[in-house]
Amino acid sequence: MILVGRVSGLFGVKGWIKLHSDTGPRENILSYSPLYLERKDEGGSQWQAVKVLSGKKQGKSIIAHLADCPDRNAAELLVGCRVAIKQEQLVATAEGEYYWSELIGLKVLTLEKVELGVITEMMETGANDVFVVRAEEDGQERLLPFIHGDVIKAIDLEQACMTVDWDPEF
């Protein structure tokens, strides 16, 4: 599953929910149906497929009406649920473009083959995306800018590694 957001609140009394979307642009979360909600119970958690009946941008929020969610009481049970899609729901990327979910978990090596660690998360900063690389032996974290050509020299998804031009001491 690819996490794309979470149910962040309620909207009205007719079963509509607010969605925090990690897609870009935010309203793209509405183009995926079904969405998968992580429902937790005593036995753990399971993903439940839910059809998006309707949705739209509402101010700074995204709101949606989901199947089997007829009223506010039903919607209340969904608040806090993580929202995901399946890998096959993603549109194929162009050459040199990647989904964050493809990059998280890659081993990061310098041009000199020094292992810096593994990408644990990505974040937007405005100027460019930044990835967090955690060293496996000591847990040290590095923030590296996602700048193709200058910092990022090669990405090999099959070998699960990224080569960067970066000083290991920095």
N, C-alpha and C. Protein backbone atom coordinates (compact mmCIF):
# COMPACT_ATOMS: atom_id res chain seq x y z
N MET A 1 0.84 -1.19 0.00
CA MET A 1 0.00 0.00 0.00
C MET A 1 0.88 1.26 0.00
N ILE A 2 0.42 2.26 -0.70
CA ILE A 2 1.10 3.55 -0.76
C ILE A 2 0.27 4.54 0.04
N LEU A 3 0.82 5.07 1.12
CA LEU A 3 0.08 6.04 1.92
C LEU A 3 -0.06 7.34 1.15
N VAL A 4 -1.30 7.86 1.12
CA VAL A 4 -1.56 9.11 0.40
C VAL A 4 -2.22 10.16 1.29
N GLY A 5 -2.50 9.83 2.55
CA GLY A 5 -3.11 10.80 3.44
C GLY A 5 -3.74 10.15 4.64
N ARG A 6 -4.64 10.93 5.28
CA ARG A 6 -5.38 10.42 6.43
C ARG A 6 -6.69 11.18 6.56
N VAL A 7 -7.63 10.55 7.24
CA VAL A 7 -8.91 11.21 7.52
C VAL A 7 -8.65 12.14 8.70
N SER A 8 -8.83 13.44 8.47
CA SER A 8 -8.45 14.42 9.49
C SER A 8 -9.62 15.02 10.25
N GLY A 9 -10.85 14.81 9.77
CA GLY A 9 -11.98 15.39 10.48
C GLY A 9 -13.30 15.12 9.79
N LEU A 10 -14.31 15.80 10.27
CA LEU A 10 -15.67 15.64 9.75
C LEU A 10 -16.10 16.91 9.04
N PHE A 11 -17.06 16.77 8.12
CA PHE A 11 -17.60 17.93 7.42
C PHE A 11 -19.11 17.74 7.31
N GLY A 12 -19.86 18.52 8.05
CA GLY A 12 -21.31 18.44 7.99
C GLY A 12 -21.87 17.23 8.72
N VAL A 13 -23.15 16.95 8.44
CA VAL A 13 -23.86 15.86 9.14
C VAL A 13 -24.24 14.71 8.21
N LYS A 14 -23.87 14.79 6.94
CA LYS A 14 -24.30 13.77 5.97
C LYS A 14 -23.21 12.77 5.60
N GLY A 15 -22.23 12.58 6.49
CA GLY A 15 -21.23 11.55 6.27
C GLY A 15 -19.99 11.99 5.53
N TRP A 16 -19.83 13.28 5.28
CA TRP A 16 -18.64 13.78 4.60
C TRP A 16 -17.47 13.84 5.58
N ILE A 17 -16.26 13.59 5.05
CA ILE A 17 -15.05 13.64 5.87
C ILE A 17 -14.07 14.65 5.29
N LYS A 18 -13.16 15.13 6.13
CA LYS A 18 -12.03 15.95 5.68
C LYS A 18 -10.84 15.02 5.51
N LEU A 19 -10.10 15.24 4.43
CA LEU A 19 -8.91 14.44 4.15
C LEU A 19 -7.67 15.31 4.19
N HIS A 20 -6.66 14.86 4.91
CA HIS A 20 -5.33 15.45 4.78
C HIS A 20 -4.67 14.67 3.66
N SER A 21 -4.28 15.37 2.60
CA SER A 21 -3.74 14.70 1.41
C SER A 21 -2.24 14.95 1.29
N ASP A 22 -1.49 13.86 1.05
CA ASP A 22 -0.06 13.96 0.78
C ASP A 22 0.23 13.90 -0.71
N THR A 23 -0.81 13.97 -1.55
CA THR A 23 -0.60 13.94 -3.00
C THR A 23 -0.32 15.36 -3.49
N GLY A 24 0.23 15.47 -4.66
CA GLY A 24 0.48 16.77 -5.24
C GLY A 24 -0.11 16.83 -6.64
N PRO A 25 -1.02 17.74 -6.90
CA PRO A 25 -1.69 18.63 -5.96
C PRO A 25 -2.60 17.86 -5.00
N ARG A 26 -2.95 18.50 -3.90
CA ARG A 26 -3.71 17.84 -2.83
C ARG A 26 -4.99 17.17 -3.30
N GLU A 27 -5.69 17.79 -4.24
CA GLU A 27 -6.98 17.23 -4.67
C GLU A 27 -6.83 15.95 -5.50
N ASN A 28 -5.61 15.60 -5.89
CA ASN A 28 -5.40 14.35 -6.63
C ASN A 28 -5.83 13.12 -5.85
N ILE A 29 -5.89 13.22 -4.54
CA ILE A 29 -6.32 12.08 -3.73
C ILE A 29 -7.72 11.62 -4.15
N LEU A 30 -8.52 12.56 -4.66
CA LEU A 30 -9.89 12.23 -5.07
C LEU A 30 -9.95 11.46 -6.38
N SER A 31 -8.87 11.44 -7.13
CA SER A 31 -8.87 10.73 -8.42
C SER A 31 -8.64 9.23 -8.25
N TYR A 32 -8.32 8.80 -7.04
CA TYR A 32 -8.11 7.37 -6.78
C TYR A 32 -9.35 6.78 -6.14
N SER A 33 -9.89 5.78 -6.77
CA SER A 33 -11.01 5.06 -6.17
C SER A 33 -10.90 3.62 -6.63
N PRO A 34 -10.89 2.68 -5.72
CA PRO A 34 -11.15 2.91 -4.30
C PRO A 34 -9.93 3.44 -3.57
N LEU A 35 -10.23 4.10 -2.44
CA LEU A 35 -9.20 4.40 -1.45
C LEU A 35 -9.22 3.26 -0.45
N TYR A 36 -8.13 3.07 0.23
CA TYR A 36 -8.04 2.02 1.25
C TYR A 36 -7.82 2.68 2.60
N LEU A 37 -8.73 2.40 3.54
CA LEU A 37 -8.64 2.96 4.88
C LEU A 37 -8.12 1.91 5.84
N GLU A 38 -7.19 2.29 6.68
CA GLU A 38 -6.65 1.37 7.67
C GLU A 38 -7.56 1.39 8.89
N ARG A 39 -8.28 0.31 9.09
CA ARG A 39 -9.20 0.17 10.22
C ARG A 39 -8.53 -0.66 11.29
N LYS A 40 -8.49 -0.13 12.52
CA LYS A 40 -7.83 -0.84 13.62
C LYS A 40 -8.87 -1.41 14.57
N ASP A 41 -8.55 -2.60 15.10
CA ASP A 41 -9.38 -3.22 16.12
C ASP A 41 -8.47 -3.99 17.07
N GLU A 42 -9.05 -4.78 17.95
CA GLU A 42 -8.26 -5.51 18.95
C GLU A 42 -7.24 -6.44 18.30
N GLY A 43 -7.56 -6.98 17.15
CA GLY A 43 -6.70 -7.94 16.46
C GLY A 43 -5.61 -7.32 15.63
N GLY A 44 -5.53 -6.01 15.59
CA GLY A 44 -4.53 -5.33 14.76
C GLY A 44 -5.19 -4.35 13.82
N SER A 45 -4.75 -4.36 12.58
CA SER A 45 -5.35 -3.44 11.60
C SER A 45 -5.51 -4.16 10.27
N GLN A 46 -6.45 -3.66 9.49
CA GLN A 46 -6.66 -4.20 8.15
C GLN A 46 -7.08 -3.06 7.23
N TRP A 47 -6.78 -3.23 5.95
CA TRP A 47 -7.12 -2.22 4.96
C TRP A 47 -8.47 -2.55 4.35
N GLN A 48 -9.34 -1.54 4.31
CA GLN A 48 -10.69 -1.70 3.77
C GLN A 48 -10.83 -0.81 2.54
N ALA A 49 -11.23 -1.40 1.41
CA ALA A 49 -11.46 -0.63 0.19
C ALA A 49 -12.76 0.15 0.32
N VAL A 50 -12.72 1.45 -0.04
CA VAL A 50 -13.89 2.30 0.05
C VAL A 50 -13.99 3.13 -1.22
N LYS A 51 -15.16 3.11 -1.85
CA LYS A 51 -15.40 3.88 -3.07
C LYS A 51 -15.63 5.35 -2.72
N VAL A 52 -15.01 6.24 -3.49
CA VAL A 52 -15.22 7.68 -3.33
C VAL A 52 -16.44 8.06 -4.16
N LEU A 53 -17.52 8.49 -3.50
CA LEU A 53 -18.74 8.87 -4.21
C LEU A 53 -18.64 10.29 -4.76
N SER A 54 -18.03 11.17 -3.97
CA SER A 54 -17.91 12.56 -4.37
C SER A 54 -16.82 13.21 -3.54
N GLY A 55 -16.26 14.29 -4.05
CA GLY A 55 -15.24 15.00 -3.30
C GLY A 55 -14.90 16.31 -3.97
N LYS A 56 -14.31 17.21 -3.20
CA LYS A 56 -13.92 18.51 -3.75
C LYS A 56 -12.99 19.23 -2.79
N LYS A 57 -12.39 20.29 -3.32
CA LYS A 57 -11.57 21.17 -2.50
C LYS A 57 -12.54 22.10 -1.76
N GLN A 58 -12.34 22.27 -0.48
CA GLN A 58 -13.21 23.13 0.33
C GLN A 58 -12.29 24.03 1.16
N GLY A 59 -12.07 25.26 0.69
CA GLY A 59 -11.10 26.13 1.36
C GLY A 59 -9.72 25.52 1.23
N LYS A 60 -9.05 25.31 2.37
CA LYS A 60 -7.73 24.69 2.36
C LYS A 60 -7.81 23.18 2.54
N SER A 61 -9.02 22.66 2.68
CA SER A 61 -9.20 21.23 2.93
C SER A 61 -9.69 20.50 1.69
N ILE A 62 -9.61 19.19 1.75
CA ILE A 62 -10.23 18.31 0.77
C ILE A 62 -11.33 17.58 1.52
N ILE A 63 -12.54 17.58 0.96
CA ILE A 63 -13.63 16.85 1.60
C ILE A 63 -14.12 15.76 0.65
N ALA A 64 -14.63 14.69 1.24
CA ALA A 64 -15.08 13.56 0.41
C ALA A 64 -16.26 12.87 1.07
N HIS A 65 -17.10 12.29 0.22
CA HIS A 65 -18.19 11.44 0.69
C HIS A 65 -17.89 10.04 0.20
N LEU A 66 -17.79 9.11 1.13
CA LEU A 66 -17.43 7.73 0.80
C LEU A 66 -18.64 6.82 0.87
N ALA A 67 -18.61 5.76 0.09
CA ALA A 67 -19.68 4.75 0.13
C ALA A 67 -19.75 4.18 1.55
N ASP A 68 -20.93 3.75 1.94
CA ASP A 68 -21.17 3.16 3.26
C ASP A 68 -20.85 4.12 4.40
N CYS A 69 -20.98 5.41 4.15
CA CYS A 69 -20.77 6.42 5.18
C CYS A 69 -21.93 7.42 5.11
N PRO A 70 -23.13 7.00 5.57
CA PRO A 70 -24.33 7.79 5.35
C PRO A 70 -24.52 9.00 6.27
N ASP A 71 -23.84 9.02 7.42
CA ASP A 71 -24.08 10.11 8.36
C ASP A 71 -22.83 10.43 9.17
N ARG A 72 -22.96 11.46 9.99
CA ARG A 72 -21.83 11.93 10.80
C ARG A 72 -21.31 10.85 11.75
N ASN A 73 -22.21 10.04 12.30
CA ASN A 73 -21.79 8.99 13.23
C ASN A 73 -20.88 7.97 12.54
N ALA A 74 -21.22 7.59 11.31
CA ALA A 74 -20.39 6.65 10.56
C ALA A 74 -19.05 7.30 10.20
N ALA A 75 -19.10 8.58 9.82
CA ALA A 75 -17.88 9.30 9.45
C ALA A 75 -16.94 9.46 10.64
N GLU A 76 -17.52 9.63 11.82
CA GLU A 76 -16.72 9.82 13.04
C GLU A 76 -15.78 8.63 13.30
N LEU A 77 -16.22 7.45 12.92
CA LEU A 77 -15.41 6.24 13.12
C LEU A 77 -14.18 6.20 12.21
N LEU A 78 -14.17 7.05 11.18
CA LEU A 78 -13.07 7.05 10.22
C LEU A 78 -11.97 8.06 10.56
N VAL A 79 -12.26 9.01 11.44
CA VAL A 79 -11.29 10.05 11.78
C VAL A 79 -10.02 9.40 12.34
N GLY A 80 -8.89 9.79 11.77
CA GLY A 80 -7.61 9.24 12.19
C GLY A 80 -7.12 8.08 11.34
N CYS A 81 -8.00 7.51 10.52
CA CYS A 81 -7.59 6.39 9.65
C CYS A 81 -6.57 6.86 8.62
N ARG A 82 -5.55 6.06 8.41
CA ARG A 82 -4.61 6.34 7.32
C ARG A 82 -5.28 5.94 6.01
N VAL A 83 -4.95 6.67 4.95
CA VAL A 83 -5.54 6.45 3.63
C VAL A 83 -4.42 6.04 2.67
N ALA A 84 -4.68 4.99 1.90
CA ALA A 84 -3.66 4.47 0.98
C ALA A 84 -4.30 4.08 -0.34
N ILE A 85 -3.44 3.81 -1.30
CA ILE A 85 -3.86 3.25 -2.59
C ILE A 85 -2.92 2.08 -2.88
N LYS A 86 -3.28 1.29 -3.87
CA LYS A 86 -2.40 0.20 -4.29
C LYS A 86 -1.40 0.73 -5.33
N GLN A 87 -0.24 0.12 -5.37
CA GLN A 87 0.83 0.52 -6.29
C GLN A 87 0.33 0.61 -7.74
N GLU A 88 -0.51 -0.35 -8.14
CA GLU A 88 -0.97 -0.38 -9.53
C GLU A 88 -1.94 0.76 -9.87
N GLN A 89 -2.41 1.51 -8.87
CA GLN A 89 -3.28 2.66 -9.13
C GLN A 89 -2.47 3.89 -9.55
N LEU A 90 -1.17 3.87 -9.34
CA LEU A 90 -0.33 5.00 -9.69
C LEU A 90 -0.14 5.08 -11.20
N VAL A 91 -0.07 6.29 -11.71
CA VAL A 91 0.21 6.53 -13.12
C VAL A 91 1.71 6.32 -13.33
N ALA A 92 2.08 5.71 -14.43
CA ALA A 92 3.51 5.51 -14.72
C ALA A 92 4.22 6.86 -14.81
N THR A 93 5.42 6.92 -14.27
CA THR A 93 6.19 8.16 -14.30
C THR A 93 7.05 8.22 -15.56
N ALA A 94 7.41 9.43 -15.93
CA ALA A 94 8.30 9.64 -17.07
C ALA A 94 9.73 9.28 -16.65
N GLU A 95 10.59 9.12 -17.62
CA GLU A 95 12.00 8.82 -17.37
C GLU A 95 12.59 9.89 -16.44
N GLY A 96 13.24 9.48 -15.38
CA GLY A 96 13.86 10.41 -14.44
C GLY A 96 12.93 10.96 -13.38
N GLU A 97 11.66 10.56 -13.39
CA GLU A 97 10.69 10.97 -12.37
C GLU A 97 10.40 9.79 -11.47
N TYR A 98 10.17 10.07 -10.19
CA TYR A 98 9.96 8.99 -9.22
C TYR A 98 8.89 9.40 -8.22
N TYR A 99 8.17 8.41 -7.74
CA TYR A 99 7.30 8.61 -6.60
C TYR A 99 8.15 8.49 -5.35
N TRP A 100 7.81 9.26 -4.33
CA TRP A 100 8.55 9.18 -3.07
C TRP A 100 8.57 7.75 -2.55
N SER A 101 7.46 7.05 -2.71
CA SER A 101 7.38 5.68 -2.20
C SER A 101 8.40 4.76 -2.86
N GLU A 102 8.84 5.11 -4.07
CA GLU A 102 9.86 4.31 -4.75
C GLU A 102 11.25 4.58 -4.18
N LEU A 103 11.45 5.78 -3.63
CA LEU A 103 12.77 6.18 -3.14
C LEU A 103 13.00 5.80 -1.69
N ILE A 104 11.94 5.81 -0.89
CA ILE A 104 12.10 5.46 0.52
C ILE A 104 12.54 4.01 0.62
N GLY A 105 13.61 3.80 1.36
CA GLY A 105 14.18 2.46 1.52
C GLY A 105 15.42 2.22 0.67
N LEU A 106 15.73 3.15 -0.26
CA LEU A 106 16.92 2.98 -1.08
C LEU A 106 18.18 3.21 -0.25
N LYS A 107 19.22 2.44 -0.54
CA LYS A 107 20.54 2.63 0.07
C LYS A 107 21.19 3.81 -0.66
N VAL A 108 21.86 4.68 0.10
CA VAL A 108 22.50 5.86 -0.48
C VAL A 108 24.02 5.70 -0.39
N LEU A 109 24.68 5.79 -1.55
CA LEU A 109 26.13 5.66 -1.65
C LEU A 109 26.73 6.93 -2.24
N THR A 110 27.94 7.28 -1.79
CA THR A 110 28.65 8.40 -2.41
C THR A 110 29.30 7.92 -3.70
N LEU A 111 29.87 8.86 -4.44
CA LEU A 111 30.59 8.50 -5.67
C LEU A 111 31.76 7.57 -5.37
N GLU A 112 32.30 7.67 -4.14
CA GLU A 112 33.42 6.82 -3.71
C GLU A 112 32.93 5.51 -3.10
N LYS A 113 31.64 5.23 -3.22
CA LYS A 113 31.01 3.99 -2.70
C LYS A 113 30.96 3.91 -1.18
N VAL A 114 31.01 5.07 -0.50
CA VAL A 114 30.82 5.11 0.95
C VAL A 114 29.32 5.08 1.21
N GLU A 115 28.87 4.14 2.04
CA GLU A 115 27.44 4.03 2.32
C GLU A 115 27.04 5.05 3.39
N LEU A 116 26.10 5.94 3.02
CA LEU A 116 25.62 6.95 3.96
C LEU A 116 24.45 6.45 4.80
N GLY A 117 23.70 5.50 4.28
CA GLY A 117 22.54 4.97 4.99
C GLY A 117 21.40 4.68 4.04
N VAL A 118 20.19 4.75 4.59
CA VAL A 118 18.97 4.42 3.85
C VAL A 118 18.02 5.60 3.92
N ILE A 119 17.33 5.88 2.82
CA ILE A 119 16.33 6.95 2.81
C ILE A 119 15.14 6.50 3.65
N THR A 120 14.84 7.28 4.70
CA THR A 120 13.74 6.92 5.60
C THR A 120 12.51 7.78 5.38
N GLU A 121 12.69 8.98 4.85
CA GLU A 121 11.53 9.83 4.57
C GLU A 121 11.93 10.93 3.60
N MET A 122 10.90 11.58 3.06
CA MET A 122 11.09 12.70 2.14
C MET A 122 10.25 13.86 2.66
N MET A 123 10.66 15.08 2.34
CA MET A 123 9.87 16.25 2.73
C MET A 123 10.01 17.35 1.69
N GLU A 124 8.98 18.17 1.63
CA GLU A 124 8.99 19.33 0.74
C GLU A 124 9.51 20.52 1.52
N THR A 125 10.35 21.33 0.89
CA THR A 125 10.87 22.52 1.56
C THR A 125 10.53 23.80 0.81
N GLY A 126 9.95 23.69 -0.35
CA GLY A 126 9.65 24.86 -1.17
C GLY A 126 10.61 24.96 -2.34
N ALA A 127 11.91 25.08 -2.05
CA ALA A 127 12.90 25.17 -3.12
C ALA A 127 13.07 23.84 -3.83
N ASN A 128 13.19 22.77 -3.05
CA ASN A 128 13.35 21.42 -3.61
C ASN A 128 12.99 20.42 -2.52
N ASP A 129 12.75 19.19 -2.93
CA ASP A 129 12.48 18.14 -1.95
C ASP A 129 13.79 17.78 -1.25
N VAL A 130 13.65 17.28 -0.03
CA VAL A 130 14.80 16.87 0.78
C VAL A 130 14.53 15.45 1.24
N PHE A 131 15.57 14.61 1.22
CA PHE A 131 15.38 13.27 1.74
C PHE A 131 16.23 13.07 2.99
N VAL A 132 15.68 12.30 3.92
CA VAL A 132 16.35 12.00 5.18
C VAL A 132 17.03 10.65 5.02
N VAL A 133 18.34 10.64 5.25
CA VAL A 133 19.14 9.41 5.14
C VAL A 133 19.62 9.05 6.55
N ARG A 134 19.25 7.86 7.00
CA ARG A 134 19.65 7.40 8.33
C ARG A 134 20.73 6.33 8.18
N ALA A 135 21.89 6.58 8.85
CA ALA A 135 22.98 5.60 8.84
C ALA A 135 22.56 4.40 9.67
N GLU A 136 22.81 3.21 9.14
CA GLU A 136 22.37 1.99 9.82
C GLU A 136 23.18 1.69 11.07
N GLU A 137 24.49 2.00 11.06
CA GLU A 137 25.31 1.61 12.21
C GLU A 137 25.14 2.51 13.43
N ASP A 138 25.00 3.83 13.24
CA ASP A 138 24.90 4.72 14.41
C ASP A 138 23.61 5.53 14.46
N GLY A 139 22.73 5.38 13.48
CA GLY A 139 21.46 6.09 13.48
C GLY A 139 21.55 7.56 13.10
N GLN A 140 22.75 8.04 12.75
CA GLN A 140 22.93 9.44 12.37
C GLN A 140 22.05 9.76 11.16
N GLU A 141 21.41 10.93 11.20
CA GLU A 141 20.57 11.35 10.08
C GLU A 141 21.24 12.47 9.31
N ARG A 142 21.09 12.42 8.00
CA ARG A 142 21.56 13.48 7.12
C ARG A 142 20.37 13.95 6.29
N LEU A 143 20.32 15.24 6.02
CA LEU A 143 19.32 15.79 5.12
C LEU A 143 20.02 16.15 3.83
N LEU A 144 19.59 15.53 2.74
CA LEU A 144 20.20 15.78 1.43
C LEU A 144 19.16 16.36 0.49
N PRO A 145 19.52 17.42 -0.24
CA PRO A 145 18.56 17.99 -1.20
C PRO A 145 18.40 17.07 -2.41
N PHE A 146 17.17 16.97 -2.88
CA PHE A 146 16.90 16.14 -4.06
C PHE A 146 17.10 17.02 -5.29
N ILE A 147 18.36 17.16 -5.69
CA ILE A 147 18.71 17.98 -6.85
C ILE A 147 19.42 17.07 -7.85
N HIS A 148 18.68 16.72 -8.92
CA HIS A 148 19.22 15.83 -9.94
C HIS A 148 20.38 16.50 -10.66
N GLY A 149 21.45 15.78 -10.85
CA GLY A 149 22.62 16.30 -11.54
C GLY A 149 23.67 16.83 -10.59
N ASP A 150 23.28 17.73 -9.67
CA ASP A 150 24.24 18.30 -8.72
C ASP A 150 24.52 17.33 -7.57
N VAL A 151 23.48 16.89 -6.89
CA VAL A 151 23.63 15.99 -5.74
C VAL A 151 23.32 14.55 -6.15
N ILE A 152 22.18 14.35 -6.77
CA ILE A 152 21.76 13.01 -7.19
C ILE A 152 22.43 12.69 -8.52
N LYS A 153 23.27 11.67 -8.50
CA LYS A 153 23.99 11.29 -9.72
C LYS A 153 23.34 10.11 -10.43
N ALA A 154 22.78 9.17 -9.67
CA ALA A 154 22.14 8.00 -10.29
C ALA A 154 21.15 7.38 -9.31
N ILE A 155 20.04 6.88 -9.87
CA ILE A 155 19.05 6.14 -9.09
C ILE A 155 18.83 4.81 -9.80
N ASP A 156 19.02 3.73 -9.07
CA ASP A 156 18.84 2.39 -9.62
C ASP A 156 17.81 1.67 -8.76
N LEU A 157 16.55 1.70 -9.23
CA LEU A 157 15.48 1.07 -8.45
C LEU A 157 15.65 -0.44 -8.37
N GLU A 158 16.18 -1.05 -9.43
CA GLU A 158 16.36 -2.51 -9.42
C GLU A 158 17.39 -2.94 -8.37
N GLN A 159 18.45 -2.15 -8.21
CA GLN A 159 19.48 -2.45 -7.21
C GLN A 159 19.17 -1.80 -5.86
N ALA A 160 18.09 -1.03 -5.81
CA ALA A 160 17.64 -0.33 -4.59
C ALA A 160 18.74 0.57 -4.02
N CYS A 161 19.37 1.36 -4.92
CA CYS A 161 20.39 2.28 -4.42
C CYS A 161 20.39 3.59 -5.20
N MET A 162 20.90 4.62 -4.54
CA MET A 162 21.03 5.95 -5.12
C MET A 162 22.49 6.38 -4.92
N THR A 163 23.08 6.94 -5.96
CA THR A 163 24.45 7.45 -5.87
C THR A 163 24.38 8.97 -5.80
N VAL A 164 25.12 9.54 -4.84
CA VAL A 164 25.08 10.98 -4.62
C VAL A 164 26.50 11.55 -4.58
N ASP A 165 26.61 12.82 -4.94
CA ASP A 165 27.86 13.55 -4.80
C ASP A 165 27.74 14.30 -3.48
N TRP A 166 28.26 13.68 -2.40
CA TRP A 166 28.07 14.23 -1.06
C TRP A 166 29.26 13.85 -0.19
N ASP A 167 29.73 14.78 0.60
CA ASP A 167 30.83 14.52 1.52
C ASP A 167 30.31 13.72 2.71
N PRO A 168 30.84 12.53 2.96
CA PRO A 168 30.36 11.70 4.07
C PRO A 168 30.55 12.35 5.45
N GLU A 169 31.43 13.34 5.54
CA GLU A 169 31.66 14.03 6.82
C GLU A 169 30.62 15.12 7.08
N PHE A 170 29.84 15.45 6.07
CA PHE A 170 28.86 16.54 6.21
C PHE A 170 27.51 15.99 6.60
